[in-house]
């Protein structure tokens, strides 16, 4: 008898090597390891609850094609390490609780995966400097754009961490704007 290829699952396989439960998860979310939000998780303080919400959202945006953020995460090939997918306890052991409610999980290498060596808790202000380049960026540098409205000048801007962009200035050349 063939069994499910998910570790520690000894149920008879149905399709693609998965049992009925894992195959259904695979069909629905693209991963046999997808989790469901559990109301039975007992968390003893507000920061641990907030950490669980970050954990759940991280899993969902990387594994669930129906998540509205999937295109920015799972569709780009960003994954979550197997240990974290398996349980919140593994994630919590590695990351600990959020330092404050204003922190969220950040990938140090923005193109890397969610794993212990590439993640930390960070504020919005810290994360604003760790962004990928926009798809329409023509300068090749984050925060530097060519703006036809300003007589064809190069604009340099930074985000202040509160959702506001601040202009550093306009420049005649790309190189000046980058400096």
Foldseek 3Di string as FASTA:
>chain_A
DQAAPPPPGGHRPDPPRHRPQLVVLCVQFVGSLQDDDDPPDDDDDDQLVLLVVLLNVLSCLQTGPVDPNVCVANVLVAEADPQSSNDVVSVCVLAPTAPDSQWHKDFQQSSYYHDSVGIYTDGLQVCQVRDDADPPAPLPDPQWHFDVVVVRWIWGWGDRSPRDIDTPDTHRDSVVNVD
